[in-house]
Amino acid sequence: TVVGAQRSAKAAPSPELNPNFTFDRFVDGKANGEAYTASRSVAERPAHSFNPFFIAGDVGLGKTHLVQAIGHHLATHNPGLVVRYLSGEAYVNGLIAALRSKKATAIDDYRAQFRRECDVLLIDDLQFISGKDRSQEEFFHTFNDLYNAGKQIVMCGNQLPADIPNLSERLRSRLQWNLVVQIEAPDLPLRVRILKDKARRLDLQLPEDVAHHLAE
């Protein structure tokens, strides 16, 4: 999925972004606090705070939530920016489709979506380009064009850039140019807080002892 269009001043966040993945629905704590704080900073000052910005962490720990929260915040508070969000898999599949297209300008049109018609690029599950040389080559040049133009790049993956296998060294180096943060598994107090927040949003009564039992 690619999200991006010039937005009017009254535009709402794109329907392609999960409406639940906003900053006010993210429960932060010791395990994810650095990633949360940095994501807020990027959302409030794109291309000035941390650029590029990479979030690493295992499945289900909140990487996608934070990346999409940045998109929601920018769409709401900076409606003039063109924000594009997509997964690494979608990026690769789009590139393959462009390369196979019989349209003479297909590959140039695809590149333009991210290099010329984009102010903020949000890439989820970047590890999907591991081992895919052509995709890495294209993303390398996309990264350079955006960075040199002063555009914000936000990425996340299930491993730190240094640990992603079959990644070109020049691309790996760029992924680590600025801030790389890792989300850890939540400790017991944070798990309790997450459960209580879920219960509150569902208007459910969750006794303290039950919350702790579930969290454990």
C-alpha atoms as a PDB file:
ATOM      1  CA  THR A   1       0.000   0.000   0.000  1.00  0.00           C
ATOM      2  CA  VAL A   2       1.287   3.439  -0.884  1.00  0.00           C
ATOM      3  CA  VAL A   3      -0.125   6.414   0.968  1.00  0.00           C
ATOM      4  CA  GLY A   4       0.470   9.864  -0.412  1.00  0.00           C
ATOM      5  CA  ALA A   5      -1.235  12.810  -1.994  1.00  0.00           C
ATOM      6  CA  GLN A   6      -1.103  16.556  -1.675  1.00  0.00           C
ATOM      7  CA  ARG A   7      -3.454  17.192   1.225  1.00  0.00           C
ATOM      8  CA  SER A   8      -5.823  20.079   1.834  1.00  0.00           C
ATOM      9  CA  ALA A   9      -5.631  21.997   5.088  1.00  0.00           C
ATOM     10  CA  LYS A  10      -8.629  20.050   6.421  1.00  0.00           C
ATOM     11  CA  ALA A  11      -7.454  16.621   5.314  1.00  0.00           C
ATOM     12  CA  ALA A  12      -7.746  13.747   7.767  1.00  0.00           C
ATOM     13  CA  PRO A  13      -5.129  11.023   8.106  1.00  0.00           C
ATOM     14  CA  SER A  14      -5.204   8.606   5.191  1.00  0.00           C
ATOM     15  CA  PRO A  15      -7.585   5.647   5.559  1.00  0.00           C
ATOM     16  CA  GLU A  16      -4.650   3.428   4.552  1.00  0.00           C
ATOM     17  CA  LEU A  17      -3.124   4.050   7.983  1.00  0.00           C
ATOM     18  CA  ASN A  18      -4.594   2.019  10.830  1.00  0.00           C
ATOM     19  CA  PRO A  19      -6.755   4.482  12.805  1.00  0.00           C
ATOM     20  CA  ASN A  20      -5.706   2.813  16.063  1.00  0.00           C
ATOM     21  CA  PHE A  21      -1.993   3.363  15.451  1.00  0.00           C
ATOM     22  CA  THR A  22      -1.715   6.905  16.835  1.00  0.00           C
ATOM     23  CA  PHE A  23       0.522   8.341  19.526  1.00  0.00           C
ATOM     24  CA  ASP A  24      -2.292   8.708  22.035  1.00  0.00           C
ATOM     25  CA  ARG A  25      -2.976   4.973  21.771  1.00  0.00           C
ATOM     26  CA  PHE A  26       0.627   3.941  22.333  1.00  0.00           C
ATOM     27  CA  VAL A  27       1.532   2.910  25.890  1.00  0.00           C
ATOM     28  CA  ASP A  28       5.158   3.789  26.500  1.00  0.00           C
ATOM     29  CA  GLY A  29       7.498   2.536  29.179  1.00  0.00           C
ATOM     30  CA  LYS A  30      11.065   1.451  29.794  1.00  0.00           C
ATOM     31  CA  ALA A  31      11.093  -1.082  26.941  1.00  0.00           C
ATOM     32  CA  ASN A  32       9.896   1.300  24.234  1.00  0.00           C
ATOM     33  CA  GLY A  33      10.308   4.782  25.691  1.00  0.00           C
ATOM     34  CA  GLU A  34      13.298   5.801  23.587  1.00  0.00           C
ATOM     35  CA  ALA A  35      11.549   4.763  20.370  1.00  0.00           C
ATOM     36  CA  TYR A  36       8.353   6.569  21.414  1.00  0.00           C
ATOM     37  CA  THR A  37      10.135   9.804  22.332  1.00  0.00           C
ATOM     38  CA  ALA A  38      12.208   9.807  19.147  1.00  0.00           C
ATOM     39  CA  SER A  39       9.132   9.090  17.011  1.00  0.00           C
ATOM     40  CA  ARG A  40       7.299  12.044  18.547  1.00  0.00           C
ATOM     41  CA  SER A  41      10.306  14.231  17.836  1.00  0.00           C
ATOM     42  CA  VAL A  42      10.443  13.119  14.194  1.00  0.00           C
ATOM     43  CA  ALA A  43       6.698  13.700  13.781  1.00  0.00           C
ATOM     44  CA  GLU A  44       6.944  17.205  15.239  1.00  0.00           C
ATOM     45  CA  ARG A  45      10.099  18.230  13.356  1.00  0.00           C
ATOM     46  CA  PRO A  46      10.452  16.078  10.230  1.00  0.00           C
ATOM     47  CA  ALA A  47      13.923  16.091   8.652  1.00  0.00           C
ATOM     48  CA  HIS A  48      15.280  18.089  11.602  1.00  0.00           C
ATOM     49  CA  SER A  49      15.325  15.774  14.615  1.00  0.00           C
ATOM     50  CA  PHE A  50      16.548  12.371  13.461  1.00  0.00           C
ATOM     51  CA  ASN A  51      17.047  11.599   9.795  1.00  0.00           C
ATOM     52  CA  PRO A  52      17.162   8.808   8.867  1.00  0.00           C
ATOM     53  CA  PHE A  53      15.358   7.130  11.754  1.00  0.00           C
ATOM     54  CA  PHE A  54      15.294   3.341  12.171  1.00  0.00           C
ATOM     55  CA  ILE A  55      13.239   1.332  14.691  1.00  0.00           C
ATOM     56  CA  ALA A  56      14.185  -2.303  15.310  1.00  0.00           C
ATOM     57  CA  GLY A  57      12.299  -4.899  17.303  1.00  0.00           C
ATOM     58  CA  ASP A  58      10.656  -8.284  17.303  1.00  0.00           C
ATOM     59  CA  VAL A  59       7.140  -8.937  15.992  1.00  0.00           C
ATOM     60  CA  GLY A  60       4.308  -7.368  17.973  1.00  0.00           C
ATOM     61  CA  LEU A  61       6.308  -4.854  20.008  1.00  0.00           C
ATOM     62  CA  GLY A  62       4.979  -1.663  18.394  1.00  0.00           C
ATOM     63  CA  LYS A  63       7.261  -0.770  15.480  1.00  0.00           C
ATOM     64  CA  THR A  64       4.448  -0.467  12.957  1.00  0.00           C
ATOM     65  CA  HIS A  65       2.336   1.428  15.483  1.00  0.00           C
ATOM     66  CA  LEU A  66       5.025   4.098  15.901  1.00  0.00           C
ATOM     67  CA  VAL A  67       5.797   4.413  12.187  1.00  0.00           C
ATOM     68  CA  GLN A  68       2.112   4.870  11.381  1.00  0.00           C
ATOM     69  CA  ALA A  69       1.691   7.249  14.317  1.00  0.00           C
ATOM     70  CA  ILE A  70       4.286   9.480  12.694  1.00  0.00           C
ATOM     71  CA  GLY A  71       2.219   9.386   9.498  1.00  0.00           C
ATOM     72  CA  HIS A  72      -1.001  10.228  11.343  1.00  0.00           C
ATOM     73  CA  HIS A  73       0.621  13.147  13.155  1.00  0.00           C
ATOM     74  CA  LEU A  74       2.121  14.581   9.970  1.00  0.00           C
ATOM     75  CA  ALA A  75      -1.116  14.207   8.007  1.00  0.00           C
ATOM     76  CA  THR A  76      -2.981  16.062  10.753  1.00  0.00           C
ATOM     77  CA  HIS A  77      -0.481  18.800  11.606  1.00  0.00           C
ATOM     78  CA  ASN A  78       1.420  19.206   8.320  1.00  0.00           C
ATOM     79  CA  PRO A  79      -1.256  18.674   5.644  1.00  0.00           C
ATOM     80  CA  GLY A  80       0.922  20.183   2.915  1.00  0.00           C
ATOM     81  CA  LEU A  81       3.475  17.375   3.162  1.00  0.00           C
ATOM     82  CA  VAL A  82       3.317  14.359   0.879  1.00  0.00           C
ATOM     83  CA  VAL A  83       3.683  11.339   3.173  1.00  0.00           C
ATOM     84  CA  ARG A  84       4.148   7.872   1.720  1.00  0.00           C
ATOM     85  CA  TYR A  85       3.811   4.748   3.837  1.00  0.00           C
ATOM     86  CA  LEU A  86       4.331   1.213   2.580  1.00  0.00           C
ATOM     87  CA  SER A  87       5.875  -2.082   3.571  1.00  0.00           C
ATOM     88  CA  GLY A  88       9.154  -3.416   2.271  1.00  0.00           C
ATOM     89  CA  GLU A  89       7.180  -6.156   0.516  1.00  0.00           C
ATOM     90  CA  ALA A  90       4.951  -3.603  -1.202  1.00  0.00           C
ATOM     91  CA  TYR A  91       8.025  -1.655  -2.312  1.00  0.00           C
ATOM     92  CA  VAL A  92       9.581  -4.777  -3.853  1.00  0.00           C
ATOM     93  CA  ASN A  93       6.331  -5.888  -5.509  1.00  0.00           C
ATOM     94  CA  GLY A  94       5.766  -2.429  -6.948  1.00  0.00           C
ATOM     95  CA  LEU A  95       9.267  -2.381  -8.364  1.00  0.00           C
ATOM     96  CA  ILE A  96       8.812  -5.812  -9.948  1.00  0.00           C
ATOM     97  CA  ALA A  97       5.546  -4.719 -11.511  1.00  0.00           C
ATOM     98  CA  ALA A  98       7.194  -1.583 -12.920  1.00  0.00           C
ATOM     99  CA  LEU A  99      10.098  -3.561 -14.348  1.00  0.00           C
ATOM    100  CA  ARG A 100       7.720  -6.017 -16.022  1.00  0.00           C
ATOM    101  CA  SER A 101       5.412  -3.338 -17.343  1.00  0.00           C
ATOM    102  CA  LYS A 102       5.330  -2.699 -21.076  1.00  0.00           C
ATOM    103  CA  LYS A 103       4.874   0.997 -20.404  1.00  0.00           C
ATOM    104  CA  ALA A 104       8.095   2.788 -21.344  1.00  0.00           C
ATOM    105  CA  THR A 105       7.960   5.167 -18.385  1.00  0.00           C
ATOM    106  CA  ALA A 106       6.838   2.633 -15.757  1.00  0.00           C
ATOM    107  CA  ILE A 107      10.097   2.426 -13.825  1.00  0.00           C
ATOM    108  CA  ASP A 108      10.612   6.198 -13.930  1.00  0.00           C
ATOM    109  CA  ASP A 109       7.040   6.744 -12.743  1.00  0.00           C
ATOM    110  CA  TYR A 110       7.585   4.308  -9.880  1.00  0.00           C
ATOM    111  CA  ARG A 111      10.821   5.983  -8.831  1.00  0.00           C
ATOM    112  CA  ALA A 112       9.177   9.397  -8.961  1.00  0.00           C
ATOM    113  CA  GLN A 113       6.616   8.382  -6.317  1.00  0.00           C
ATOM    114  CA  PHE A 114       9.389   8.136  -3.759  1.00  0.00           C
ATOM    115  CA  ARG A 115      12.140  10.403  -5.055  1.00  0.00           C
ATOM    116  CA  ARG A 116      10.369  13.483  -6.413  1.00  0.00           C
ATOM    117  CA  GLU A 117       6.765  13.242  -5.212  1.00  0.00           C
ATOM    118  CA  CYS A 118       7.470  12.576  -1.546  1.00  0.00           C
ATOM    119  CA  ASP A 119       8.345  14.632   1.525  1.00  0.00           C
ATOM    120  CA  VAL A 120       8.313  11.866   4.123  1.00  0.00           C
ATOM    121  CA  LEU A 121       8.915   8.184   3.366  1.00  0.00           C
ATOM    122  CA  LEU A 122       7.784   5.607   5.927  1.00  0.00           C
ATOM    123  CA  ILE A 123       8.953   2.042   5.236  1.00  0.00           C
ATOM    124  CA  ASP A 124       7.700  -0.867   7.341  1.00  0.00           C
ATOM    125  CA  ASP A 125       9.428  -4.284   7.506  1.00  0.00           C
ATOM    126  CA  LEU A 126      12.447  -3.104   5.555  1.00  0.00           C
ATOM    127  CA  GLN A 127      14.126  -6.493   6.090  1.00  0.00           C
ATOM    128  CA  PHE A 128      12.003  -7.750   3.179  1.00  0.00           C
ATOM    129  CA  ILE A 129      14.549  -6.303   0.733  1.00  0.00           C
ATOM    130  CA  SER A 130      17.223  -8.595   2.204  1.00  0.00           C
ATOM    131  CA  GLY A 131      18.865 -10.603  -0.561  1.00  0.00           C
ATOM    132  CA  LYS A 132      17.049  -8.703  -3.335  1.00  0.00           C
ATOM    133  CA  ASP A 133      19.859  -6.918  -5.154  1.00  0.00           C
ATOM    134  CA  ARG A 134      17.777  -4.855  -7.591  1.00  0.00           C
ATOM    135  CA  SER A 135      15.423  -3.684  -4.865  1.00  0.00           C
ATOM    136  CA  GLN A 136      18.372  -2.701  -2.679  1.00  0.00           C
ATOM    137  CA  GLU A 137      19.946  -0.815  -5.578  1.00  0.00           C
ATOM    138  CA  GLU A 138      16.736   1.126  -6.206  1.00  0.00           C
ATOM    139  CA  PHE A 139      16.181   1.858  -2.533  1.00  0.00           C
ATOM    140  CA  PHE A 140      19.790   2.993  -2.144  1.00  0.00           C
ATOM    141  CA  HIS A 141      19.301   5.678  -4.797  1.00  0.00           C
ATOM    142  CA  THR A 142      15.859   6.591  -3.439  1.00  0.00           C
ATOM    143  CA  PHE A 143      17.398   7.011   0.007  1.00  0.00           C
ATOM    144  CA  ASN A 144      20.161   9.240  -1.376  1.00  0.00           C
ATOM    145  CA  ASP A 145      17.771  11.431  -3.351  1.00  0.00           C
ATOM    146  CA  LEU A 146      15.466  11.962  -0.378  1.00  0.00           C
ATOM    147  CA  TYR A 147      18.255  12.545   2.107  1.00  0.00           C
ATOM    148  CA  ASN A 148      20.070  15.012  -0.153  1.00  0.00           C
ATOM    149  CA  ALA A 149      16.797  16.880  -0.687  1.00  0.00           C
ATOM    150  CA  GLY A 150      16.297  17.205   3.062  1.00  0.00           C
ATOM    151  CA  LYS A 151      13.322  14.823   3.181  1.00  0.00           C
ATOM    152  CA  GLN A 152      12.522  12.631   6.195  1.00  0.00           C
ATOM    153  CA  ILE A 153      13.096   8.857   6.019  1.00  0.00           C
ATOM    154  CA  VAL A 154      11.644   6.532   8.673  1.00  0.00           C
ATOM    155  CA  MET A 155      12.184   2.772   8.574  1.00  0.00           C
ATOM    156  CA  CYS A 156      11.584  -0.206  10.787  1.00  0.00           C
ATOM    157  CA  GLY A 157      12.556  -3.855  10.750  1.00  0.00           C
ATOM    158  CA  ASN A 158      12.705  -6.949  12.917  1.00  0.00           C
ATOM    159  CA  GLN A 159      16.478  -6.635  13.262  1.00  0.00           C
ATOM    160  CA  LEU A 160      19.031  -3.894  13.721  1.00  0.00           C
ATOM    161  CA  PRO A 161      20.535  -2.760  10.399  1.00  0.00           C
ATOM    162  CA  ALA A 162      23.847  -4.320  11.433  1.00  0.00           C
ATOM    163  CA  ASP A 163      22.134  -7.706  11.794  1.00  0.00           C
ATOM    164  CA  ILE A 164      19.973  -7.811   8.646  1.00  0.00           C
ATOM    165  CA  PRO A 165      21.468 -10.559   6.457  1.00  0.00           C
ATOM    166  CA  ASN A 166      22.265 -10.223   2.761  1.00  0.00           C
ATOM    167  CA  LEU A 167      22.201  -6.429   2.825  1.00  0.00           C
ATOM    168  CA  SER A 168      24.685  -4.396   0.808  1.00  0.00           C
ATOM    169  CA  GLU A 169      27.224  -2.669   3.019  1.00  0.00           C
ATOM    170  CA  ARG A 170      26.642   0.754   1.489  1.00  0.00           C
ATOM    171  CA  LEU A 171      22.911   0.507   2.206  1.00  0.00           C
ATOM    172  CA  ARG A 172      23.514  -0.895   5.681  1.00  0.00           C
ATOM    173  CA  SER A 173      25.776   2.078   6.377  1.00  0.00           C
ATOM    174  CA  ARG A 174      23.093   4.568   5.343  1.00  0.00           C
ATOM    175  CA  LEU A 175      20.451   2.943   7.515  1.00  0.00           C
ATOM    176  CA  GLN A 176      22.716   3.679  10.489  1.00  0.00           C
ATOM    177  CA  TRP A 177      23.619   7.257   9.562  1.00  0.00           C
ATOM    178  CA  ASN A 178      21.577   8.825  12.352  1.00  0.00           C
ATOM    179  CA  LEU A 179      19.353   7.312  15.039  1.00  0.00           C
ATOM    180  CA  VAL A 180      18.723   3.580  15.418  1.00  0.00           C
ATOM    181  CA  VAL A 181      16.584   2.498  18.386  1.00  0.00           C
ATOM    182  CA  GLN A 182      15.500  -0.943  19.508  1.00  0.00           C
ATOM    183  CA  ILE A 183      12.201  -1.827  21.169  1.00  0.00           C
ATOM    184  CA  GLU A 184      12.492  -4.530  23.800  1.00  0.00           C
ATOM    185  CA  ALA A 185       9.797  -6.866  25.108  1.00  0.00           C
ATOM    186  CA  PRO A 186       7.651  -5.078  27.721  1.00  0.00           C
ATOM    187  CA  ASP A 187       8.311  -5.830  31.379  1.00  0.00           C
ATOM    188  CA  LEU A 188       5.512  -6.766  33.788  1.00  0.00           C
ATOM    189  CA  PRO A 189       4.533  -3.193  34.820  1.00  0.00           C
ATOM    190  CA  LEU A 190       4.280  -2.127  31.176  1.00  0.00           C
ATOM    191  CA  ARG A 191       2.228  -5.200  30.280  1.00  0.00           C
ATOM    192  CA  VAL A 192      -0.176  -4.341  33.095  1.00  0.00           C
ATOM    193  CA  ARG A 193      -0.482  -0.759  31.845  1.00  0.00           C
ATOM    194  CA  ILE A 194      -1.131  -1.985  28.289  1.00  0.00           C
ATOM    195  CA  LEU A 195      -3.902  -4.294  29.518  1.00  0.00           C
ATOM    196  CA  LYS A 196      -5.482  -1.518  31.562  1.00  0.00           C
ATOM    197  CA  ASP A 197      -5.391   0.828  28.591  1.00  0.00           C
ATOM    198  CA  LYS A 198      -7.034  -1.784  26.358  1.00  0.00           C
ATOM    199  CA  ALA A 199      -9.728  -2.390  28.966  1.00  0.00           C
ATOM    200  CA  ARG A 200     -10.377   1.335  29.391  1.00  0.00           C
ATOM    201  CA  ARG A 201     -10.795   1.826  25.646  1.00  0.00           C
ATOM    202  CA  LEU A 202     -13.221  -1.108  25.533  1.00  0.00           C
ATOM    203  CA  ASP A 203     -15.086   0.283  28.553  1.00  0.00           C
ATOM    204  CA  LEU A 204     -14.387  -2.884  30.549  1.00  0.00           C
ATOM    205  CA  GLN A 205     -13.782  -3.235  34.259  1.00  0.00           C
ATOM    206  CA  LEU A 206     -10.431  -4.957  34.800  1.00  0.00           C
ATOM    207  CA  PRO A 207      -9.592  -5.626  38.469  1.00  0.00           C
ATOM    208  CA  GLU A 208      -5.982  -5.079  39.481  1.00  0.00           C
ATOM    209  CA  ASP A 209      -5.371  -8.724  40.384  1.00  0.00           C
ATOM    210  CA  VAL A 210      -6.795  -9.914  37.080  1.00  0.00           C
ATOM    211  CA  ALA A 211      -4.619  -7.476  35.140  1.00  0.00           C
ATOM    212  CA  HIS A 212      -1.516  -8.768  36.932  1.00  0.00           C
ATOM    213  CA  HIS A 213      -2.527 -12.386  36.414  1.00  0.00           C
ATOM    214  CA  LEU A 214      -2.976 -11.830  32.668  1.00  0.00           C
ATOM    215  CA  ALA A 215       0.239  -9.844  32.417  1.00  0.00           C
ATOM    216  CA  GLU A 216       2.206 -12.594  34.093  1.00  0.00           C
END
